[in-house]
C-alpha atoms as a PDB file:
ATOM      1  CA  MET A   1     -51.390  46.158  38.037  1.00  0.00           C
ATOM      2  CA  MET A   2     -50.595  46.301  41.774  1.00  0.00           C
ATOM      3  CA  VAL A   3     -51.952  42.756  42.231  1.00  0.00           C
ATOM      4  CA  ILE A   4     -49.573  41.469  39.544  1.00  0.00           C
ATOM      5  CA  VAL A   5     -46.601  43.177  41.196  1.00  0.00           C
ATOM      6  CA  LYS A   6     -47.551  41.727  44.604  1.00  0.00           C
ATOM      7  CA  ARG A   7     -47.745  38.247  43.084  1.00  0.00           C
ATOM      8  CA  LEU A   8     -44.372  38.634  41.360  1.00  0.00           C
ATOM      9  CA  ILE A   9     -42.481  39.709  44.491  1.00  0.00           C
ATOM     10  CA  PRO A  10     -42.366  36.203  46.034  1.00  0.00           C
ATOM     11  CA  LEU A  11     -41.270  34.722  42.692  1.00  0.00           C
ATOM     12  CA  VAL A  12     -38.486  37.267  42.258  1.00  0.00           C
ATOM     13  CA  LEU A  13     -37.384  36.737  45.871  1.00  0.00           C
ATOM     14  CA  ALA A  14     -37.320  32.950  45.417  1.00  0.00           C
ATOM     15  CA  ALA A  15     -35.307  33.238  42.198  1.00  0.00           C
ATOM     16  CA  THR A  16     -32.842  35.619  43.845  1.00  0.00           C
ATOM     17  CA  LEU A  17     -32.331  33.278  46.793  1.00  0.00           C
ATOM     18  CA  ALA A  18     -31.846  30.280  44.503  1.00  0.00           C
ATOM     19  CA  LEU A  19     -29.190  32.063  42.463  1.00  0.00           C
ATOM     20  CA  ALA A  20     -27.485  33.391  45.578  1.00  0.00           C
ATOM     21  CA  GLY A  21     -26.564  29.799  46.416  1.00  0.00           C
ATOM     22  CA  CYS A  22     -24.182  29.783  43.432  1.00  0.00           C
ATOM     23  CA  ALA A  23     -21.819  32.434  44.745  1.00  0.00           C
ATOM     24  CA  ALA A  24     -21.195  34.473  47.856  1.00  0.00           C
ATOM     25  CA  PRO A  25     -21.559  38.169  46.946  1.00  0.00           C
ATOM     26  CA  LYS A  26     -18.246  39.256  48.505  1.00  0.00           C
ATOM     27  CA  ASP A  27     -16.255  36.667  46.577  1.00  0.00           C
ATOM     28  CA  THR A  28     -17.884  36.813  43.156  1.00  0.00           C
ATOM     29  CA  GLY A  29     -15.229  37.493  40.574  1.00  0.00           C
ATOM     30  CA  GLN A  30     -12.327  36.908  42.920  1.00  0.00           C
ATOM     31  CA  VAL A  31      -9.099  35.387  41.600  1.00  0.00           C
ATOM     32  CA  VAL A  32      -6.301  34.799  44.088  1.00  0.00           C
ATOM     33  CA  THR A  33      -2.885  33.541  43.022  1.00  0.00           C
ATOM     34  CA  TYR A  34      -0.092  32.510  45.345  1.00  0.00           C
ATOM     35  CA  LYS A  35       3.639  32.785  44.756  1.00  0.00           C
ATOM     36  CA  PRO A  36       5.463  29.460  45.227  1.00  0.00           C
ATOM     37  CA  GLY A  37       6.799  30.430  48.664  1.00  0.00           C
ATOM     38  CA  GLU A  38       3.303  31.402  49.883  1.00  0.00           C
ATOM     39  CA  ARG A  39       1.475  28.237  48.835  1.00  0.00           C
ATOM     40  CA  VAL A  40      -0.084  25.754  51.206  1.00  0.00           C
ATOM     41  CA  ALA A  41      -0.449  22.047  50.571  1.00  0.00           C
ATOM     42  CA  ALA A  42      -3.754  20.944  49.101  1.00  0.00           C
ATOM     43  CA  PRO A  43      -5.724  18.738  51.456  1.00  0.00           C
ATOM     44  CA  GLN A  44      -6.450  15.118  50.693  1.00  0.00           C
ATOM     45  CA  VAL A  45      -8.920  14.888  47.800  1.00  0.00           C
ATOM     46  CA  LYS A  46     -10.398  11.420  47.519  1.00  0.00           C
ATOM     47  CA  GLY A  47     -13.818  10.299  46.498  1.00  0.00           C
ATOM     48  CA  GLN A  48     -16.128   8.243  44.356  1.00  0.00           C
ATOM     49  CA  LEU A  49     -16.495   9.353  40.754  1.00  0.00           C
ATOM     50  CA  LEU A  50     -19.913  10.123  39.275  1.00  0.00           C
ATOM     51  CA  GLU A  51     -19.896   7.082  37.028  1.00  0.00           C
ATOM     52  CA  GLY A  52     -18.188   4.841  39.590  1.00  0.00           C
ATOM     53  CA  GLY A  53     -14.596   4.204  40.516  1.00  0.00           C
ATOM     54  CA  ASP A  54     -12.398   6.216  42.825  1.00  0.00           C
ATOM     55  CA  TYR A  55     -10.249   9.330  42.534  1.00  0.00           C
ATOM     56  CA  ASP A  56      -7.228  10.278  44.636  1.00  0.00           C
ATOM     57  CA  LEU A  57      -5.407  13.560  44.045  1.00  0.00           C
ATOM     58  CA  ALA A  58      -2.251  12.063  45.570  1.00  0.00           C
ATOM     59  CA  ALA A  59      -1.927   9.813  42.510  1.00  0.00           C
ATOM     60  CA  HIS A  60      -1.299  12.946  40.418  1.00  0.00           C
ATOM     61  CA  LYS A  61       1.580  14.369  42.453  1.00  0.00           C
ATOM     62  CA  GLY A  62       4.170  15.806  40.095  1.00  0.00           C
ATOM     63  CA  LYS A  63       1.484  17.136  37.764  1.00  0.00           C
ATOM     64  CA  VAL A  64      -0.474  20.379  37.697  1.00  0.00           C
ATOM     65  CA  VAL A  65      -4.119  19.672  38.538  1.00  0.00           C
ATOM     66  CA  VAL A  66      -7.162  21.869  37.923  1.00  0.00           C
ATOM     67  CA  ILE A  67     -10.015  21.182  40.352  1.00  0.00           C
ATOM     68  CA  ASN A  68     -13.439  22.598  39.517  1.00  0.00           C
ATOM     69  CA  PHE A  69     -16.299  22.655  42.046  1.00  0.00           C
ATOM     70  CA  TRP A  70     -19.653  22.644  40.247  1.00  0.00           C
ATOM     71  CA  ALA A  71     -23.344  21.732  40.360  1.00  0.00           C
ATOM     72  CA  SER A  72     -25.767  20.932  37.552  1.00  0.00           C
ATOM     73  CA  TRP A  73     -28.292  23.522  38.769  1.00  0.00           C
ATOM     74  CA  CYS A  74     -25.772  26.392  38.888  1.00  0.00           C
ATOM     75  CA  PRO A  75     -26.058  28.748  35.856  1.00  0.00           C
ATOM     76  CA  PRO A  76     -22.432  30.009  36.027  1.00  0.00           C
ATOM     77  CA  CYS A  77     -21.275  26.366  36.122  1.00  0.00           C
ATOM     78  CA  ARG A  78     -23.139  25.767  32.874  1.00  0.00           C
ATOM     79  CA  VAL A  79     -21.512  28.830  31.320  1.00  0.00           C
ATOM     80  CA  GLU A  80     -17.962  27.768  32.158  1.00  0.00           C
ATOM     81  CA  ALA A  81     -18.263  24.057  31.267  1.00  0.00           C
ATOM     82  CA  ASP A  82     -17.224  24.433  27.616  1.00  0.00           C
ATOM     83  CA  ASP A  83     -14.266  26.646  28.536  1.00  0.00           C
ATOM     84  CA  LEU A  84     -12.984  24.128  31.091  1.00  0.00           C
ATOM     85  CA  GLU A  85     -13.149  21.313  28.555  1.00  0.00           C
ATOM     86  CA  SER A  86     -11.494  23.488  25.906  1.00  0.00           C
ATOM     87  CA  VAL A  87      -8.551  24.261  28.206  1.00  0.00           C
ATOM     88  CA  ARG A  88      -8.268  20.594  29.176  1.00  0.00           C
ATOM     89  CA  LYS A  89      -7.947  19.664  25.514  1.00  0.00           C
ATOM     90  CA  SER A  90      -5.425  22.417  24.752  1.00  0.00           C
ATOM     91  CA  LEU A  91      -2.937  21.929  27.612  1.00  0.00           C
ATOM     92  CA  THR A  92      -0.699  18.907  27.962  1.00  0.00           C
ATOM     93  CA  GLY A  93       0.711  17.876  31.308  1.00  0.00           C
ATOM     94  CA  VAL A  94      -2.332  19.125  33.230  1.00  0.00           C
ATOM     95  CA  GLU A  95      -4.925  16.913  34.900  1.00  0.00           C
ATOM     96  CA  PHE A  96      -8.513  18.046  35.434  1.00  0.00           C
ATOM     97  CA  VAL A  97     -11.045  16.816  37.978  1.00  0.00           C
ATOM     98  CA  GLY A  98     -14.486  18.120  38.830  1.00  0.00           C
ATOM     99  CA  ILE A  99     -16.126  17.974  42.227  1.00  0.00           C
ATOM    100  CA  ASN A 100     -19.905  17.949  42.054  1.00  0.00           C
ATOM    101  CA  VAL A 101     -21.558  19.419  45.166  1.00  0.00           C
ATOM    102  CA  ARG A 102     -25.109  19.822  46.478  1.00  0.00           C
ATOM    103  CA  ASP A 103     -26.584  17.833  43.632  1.00  0.00           C
ATOM    104  CA  GLU A 104     -28.399  14.625  42.766  1.00  0.00           C
ATOM    105  CA  ARG A 105     -26.241  11.981  41.103  1.00  0.00           C
ATOM    106  CA  SER A 106     -28.580  11.485  38.116  1.00  0.00           C
ATOM    107  CA  LYS A 107     -28.721  15.212  37.374  1.00  0.00           C
ATOM    108  CA  ALA A 108     -24.964  15.561  37.804  1.00  0.00           C
ATOM    109  CA  ILE A 109     -24.297  12.675  35.414  1.00  0.00           C
ATOM    110  CA  ALA A 110     -26.724  14.088  32.838  1.00  0.00           C
ATOM    111  CA  PHE A 111     -24.984  17.478  33.014  1.00  0.00           C
ATOM    112  CA  HIS A 112     -21.439  16.064  32.931  1.00  0.00           C
ATOM    113  CA  GLU A 113     -21.920  13.587  30.064  1.00  0.00           C
ATOM    114  CA  GLY A 114     -20.957  15.100  26.748  1.00  0.00           C
ATOM    115  CA  ARG A 115     -19.594  18.261  28.380  1.00  0.00           C
ATOM    116  CA  ALA A 116     -16.458  17.021  30.084  1.00  0.00           C
ATOM    117  CA  ALA A 117     -14.056  14.198  29.310  1.00  0.00           C
ATOM    118  CA  TYR A 118     -12.362  14.580  32.694  1.00  0.00           C
ATOM    119  CA  PRO A 119     -13.621  12.768  35.810  1.00  0.00           C
ATOM    120  CA  SER A 120     -15.831  14.298  38.475  1.00  0.00           C
ATOM    121  CA  ILE A 121     -16.130  13.277  42.109  1.00  0.00           C
ATOM    122  CA  PHE A 122     -19.666  13.076  43.502  1.00  0.00           C
ATOM    123  CA  ASP A 123     -19.664  14.999  46.815  1.00  0.00           C
ATOM    124  CA  PRO A 124     -23.254  16.090  47.522  1.00  0.00           C
ATOM    125  CA  ALA A 125     -22.488  17.137  51.104  1.00  0.00           C
ATOM    126  CA  GLY A 126     -19.570  19.364  50.049  1.00  0.00           C
ATOM    127  CA  ARG A 127     -17.121  17.725  52.445  1.00  0.00           C
ATOM    128  CA  LEU A 128     -14.179  18.055  50.077  1.00  0.00           C
ATOM    129  CA  ALA A 129     -14.629  21.828  49.810  1.00  0.00           C
ATOM    130  CA  LEU A 130     -14.574  22.046  53.621  1.00  0.00           C
ATOM    131  CA  ALA A 131     -11.147  20.390  53.652  1.00  0.00           C
ATOM    132  CA  PHE A 132      -9.707  23.452  51.849  1.00  0.00           C
ATOM    133  CA  SER A 133      -9.955  25.453  55.081  1.00  0.00           C
ATOM    134  CA  GLN A 134      -6.956  27.749  54.448  1.00  0.00           C
ATOM    135  CA  VAL A 135      -8.132  28.808  50.979  1.00  0.00           C
ATOM    136  CA  PRO A 136     -11.778  27.797  50.800  1.00  0.00           C
ATOM    137  CA  PRO A 137     -13.518  27.461  47.438  1.00  0.00           C
ATOM    138  CA  ASN A 138     -16.567  28.959  49.149  1.00  0.00           C
ATOM    139  CA  THR A 139     -18.579  29.573  45.987  1.00  0.00           C
ATOM    140  CA  ILE A 140     -19.714  27.506  43.093  1.00  0.00           C
ATOM    141  CA  PRO A 141     -18.376  27.501  40.620  1.00  0.00           C
ATOM    142  CA  ALA A 142     -14.886  27.610  42.036  1.00  0.00           C
ATOM    143  CA  THR A 143     -11.681  26.437  40.416  1.00  0.00           C
ATOM    144  CA  LEU A 144      -8.362  25.674  42.077  1.00  0.00           C
ATOM    145  CA  ILE A 145      -5.028  25.133  40.403  1.00  0.00           C
ATOM    146  CA  ILE A 146      -2.737  22.751  42.255  1.00  0.00           C
ATOM    147  CA  ASP A 147       0.974  22.959  41.384  1.00  0.00           C
ATOM    148  CA  SER A 148       3.188  19.959  40.661  1.00  0.00           C
ATOM    149  CA  GLN A 149       4.246  19.847  44.329  1.00  0.00           C
ATOM    150  CA  GLY A 150       0.639  19.465  45.498  1.00  0.00           C
ATOM    151  CA  ARG A 151       0.250  23.069  46.679  1.00  0.00           C
ATOM    152  CA  ILE A 152      -2.594  25.490  45.952  1.00  0.00           C
ATOM    153  CA  ALA A 153      -1.365  27.969  43.344  1.00  0.00           C
ATOM    154  CA  ALA A 154      -4.642  29.720  42.536  1.00  0.00           C
ATOM    155  CA  VAL A 155      -8.243  29.953  43.699  1.00  0.00           C
ATOM    156  CA  ILE A 156     -10.851  31.301  41.293  1.00  0.00           C
ATOM    157  CA  ARG A 157     -14.226  32.046  42.861  1.00  0.00           C
ATOM    158  CA  LYS A 158     -16.242  32.786  39.741  1.00  0.00           C
ATOM    159  CA  ALA A 159     -17.102  31.234  36.406  1.00  0.00           C
ATOM    160  CA  ILE A 160     -13.743  30.889  34.703  1.00  0.00           C
ATOM    161  CA  GLN A 161     -13.218  31.759  31.072  1.00  0.00           C
ATOM    162  CA  ARG A 162     -10.934  29.895  28.668  1.00  0.00           C
ATOM    163  CA  ASP A 163      -8.300  32.610  28.200  1.00  0.00           C
ATOM    164  CA  GLU A 164      -7.947  33.342  31.910  1.00  0.00           C
ATOM    165  CA  LEU A 165      -7.760  29.662  32.878  1.00  0.00           C
ATOM    166  CA  THR A 166      -5.247  28.971  30.108  1.00  0.00           C
ATOM    167  CA  ARG A 167      -3.021  31.821  31.296  1.00  0.00           C
ATOM    168  CA  LEU A 168      -3.202  30.911  34.989  1.00  0.00           C
ATOM    169  CA  THR A 169      -2.659  27.209  34.401  1.00  0.00           C
ATOM    170  CA  SER A 170       0.150  27.789  31.888  1.00  0.00           C
ATOM    171  CA  ASP A 171       1.948  29.994  34.404  1.00  0.00           C
ATOM    172  CA  VAL A 172       1.828  27.223  37.028  1.00  0.00           C
ATOM    173  CA  LEU A 173       2.808  24.619  34.445  1.00  0.00           C
ATOM    174  CA  ALA A 174       5.822  26.730  33.372  1.00  0.00           C
ATOM    175  CA  GLU A 175       7.072  26.809  36.981  1.00  0.00           C
ATOM    176  CA  SER A 176       7.282  23.031  37.122  1.00  0.00           C
ATOM    177  CA  ALA A 177       9.276  22.966  33.875  1.00  0.00           C
ATOM    178  CA  THR A 178      12.042  25.147  35.343  1.00  0.00           C
END
């Protein structure tokens, strides 16, 4: 029995370390929203899409944009994928874009196909996340809501659920309608 336990310890440790890469313990479950007067401008978000072509956040100025940082190997990213797509389908006037990090292109494409109708930028080095220095999406998954003026309205550092994302995004969308 003791031999089995000793053999399992390295496996459990390896699994724990692999999962720890998905989220920083201090930030897991954190949702931060910013009042309009407290918001900072989103940095430039440009990149090559998974299936080819280019994306530029600046082209969506005047619209609310949901940005989701994800990876195919991240279990919480898999959990939230259906909820993100469901919210995308249910809200009009909101753009969605994914940013795939620390991944292989073929695995990212295989994960994204059939799960999301919105585009995803391929950013294996995570350079785009680093550009959000004032409000870093320092976990994956992480979701940011950008208001119609191009400012960061919310940062969600956990797997987002449909109802919560709908509420947060609808609140930001309502601001731009007034």
